[in-house]
C-alpha atoms as a PDB file:
ATOM      1  CA  MET A   1       9.053-186.913 -84.704  1.00  0.00           C
ATOM      2  CA  TYR A   2       5.288-187.327 -83.912  1.00  0.00           C
ATOM      3  CA  LYS A   3       5.120-183.424 -82.648  1.00  0.00           C
ATOM      4  CA  LEU A   4       6.288-182.378 -86.077  1.00  0.00           C
ATOM      5  CA  LEU A   5       3.480-184.760 -87.784  1.00  0.00           C
ATOM      6  CA  ALA A   6       1.186-183.124 -85.375  1.00  0.00           C
ATOM      7  CA  LYS A   7       2.069-179.610 -86.566  1.00  0.00           C
ATOM      8  CA  LEU A   8       1.923-180.284 -90.144  1.00  0.00           C
ATOM      9  CA  ASN A   9      -1.482-182.365 -89.512  1.00  0.00           C
ATOM     10  CA  LYS A  10      -2.803-179.036 -88.273  1.00  0.00           C
ATOM     11  CA  LEU A  11      -1.680-177.048 -91.207  1.00  0.00           C
ATOM     12  CA  LEU A  12      -2.453-179.468 -93.954  1.00  0.00           C
ATOM     13  CA  LEU A  13      -5.742-181.622 -92.964  1.00  0.00           C
ATOM     14  CA  PRO A  14      -9.184-180.459 -92.513  1.00  0.00           C
ATOM     15  CA  SER A  15     -10.568-180.028 -89.110  1.00  0.00           C
ATOM     16  CA  PHE A  16     -13.705-181.767 -89.108  1.00  0.00           C
ATOM     17  CA  THR A  17     -14.609-180.411 -85.734  1.00  0.00           C
ATOM     18  CA  LYS A  18     -14.957-176.780 -87.023  1.00  0.00           C
ATOM     19  CA  GLN A  19     -16.680-178.074 -89.896  1.00  0.00           C
ATOM     20  CA  GLY A  20     -19.391-179.472 -87.587  1.00  0.00           C
ATOM     21  CA  LEU A  21     -19.060-182.976 -89.031  1.00  0.00           C
ATOM     22  CA  ASP A  22     -21.397-185.346 -87.654  1.00  0.00           C
ATOM     23  CA  ILE A  23     -19.078-188.722 -86.749  1.00  0.00           C
ATOM     24  CA  SER A  24     -22.049-191.223 -87.506  1.00  0.00           C
ATOM     25  CA  LYS A  25     -22.372-189.775 -90.949  1.00  0.00           C
ATOM     26  CA  ALA A  26     -18.643-189.271 -92.027  1.00  0.00           C
ATOM     27  CA  LYS A  27     -17.618-190.714 -95.069  1.00  0.00           C
ATOM     28  CA  LYS A  28     -14.494-193.585 -95.259  1.00  0.00           C
ATOM     29  CA  TRP A  29     -11.795-191.185 -95.954  1.00  0.00           C
ATOM     30  CA  GLN A  30     -13.068-188.833 -93.485  1.00  0.00           C
ATOM     31  CA  MET A  31     -12.760-191.501 -90.901  1.00  0.00           C
ATOM     32  CA  ALA A  32      -9.433-192.379 -91.847  1.00  0.00           C
ATOM     33  CA  ILE A  33      -8.056-188.917 -91.395  1.00  0.00           C
ATOM     34  CA  ILE A  34     -10.007-188.629 -88.233  1.00  0.00           C
ATOM     35  CA  GLY A  35      -8.116-191.752 -86.923  1.00  0.00           C
ATOM     36  CA  TYR A  36      -4.744-190.922 -88.307  1.00  0.00           C
ATOM     37  CA  ARG A  37      -4.848-187.645 -86.517  1.00  0.00           C
ATOM     38  CA  ALA A  38      -6.041-189.096 -83.254  1.00  0.00           C
ATOM     39  CA  TYR A  39      -2.959-191.606 -83.406  1.00  0.00           C
ATOM     40  CA  VAL A  40      -0.599-188.808 -84.172  1.00  0.00           C
ATOM     41  CA  THR A  41      -1.878-186.491 -81.404  1.00  0.00           C
ATOM     42  CA  LYS A  42      -1.859-189.380 -78.938  1.00  0.00           C
ATOM     43  CA  ARG A  43       1.745-190.186 -79.780  1.00  0.00           C
ATOM     44  CA  ALA A  44       3.006-186.519 -79.769  1.00  0.00           C
ATOM     45  CA  LEU A  45       1.578-186.042 -76.212  1.00  0.00           C
ATOM     46  CA  GLY A  46       3.107-189.305 -75.024  1.00  0.00           C
ATOM     47  CA  ASN A  47       6.444-188.545 -75.624  1.00  0.00           C
END
C-alpha cells in the first residue's frame, strides 16, 4: 500500500528539493507535505 502511495506522491505532490526550497524558510503547509512524503517513503522502503 505504501509503495502505491509513494508513486502517487511522486506524481501529484511538488518536489521541494528540485525547487531549491530552504527548509528553515518553509511554510507550515510545505513542512507538512515534506513530513508526509518522508513518512510514506520510509514505510514504503521498510516493507
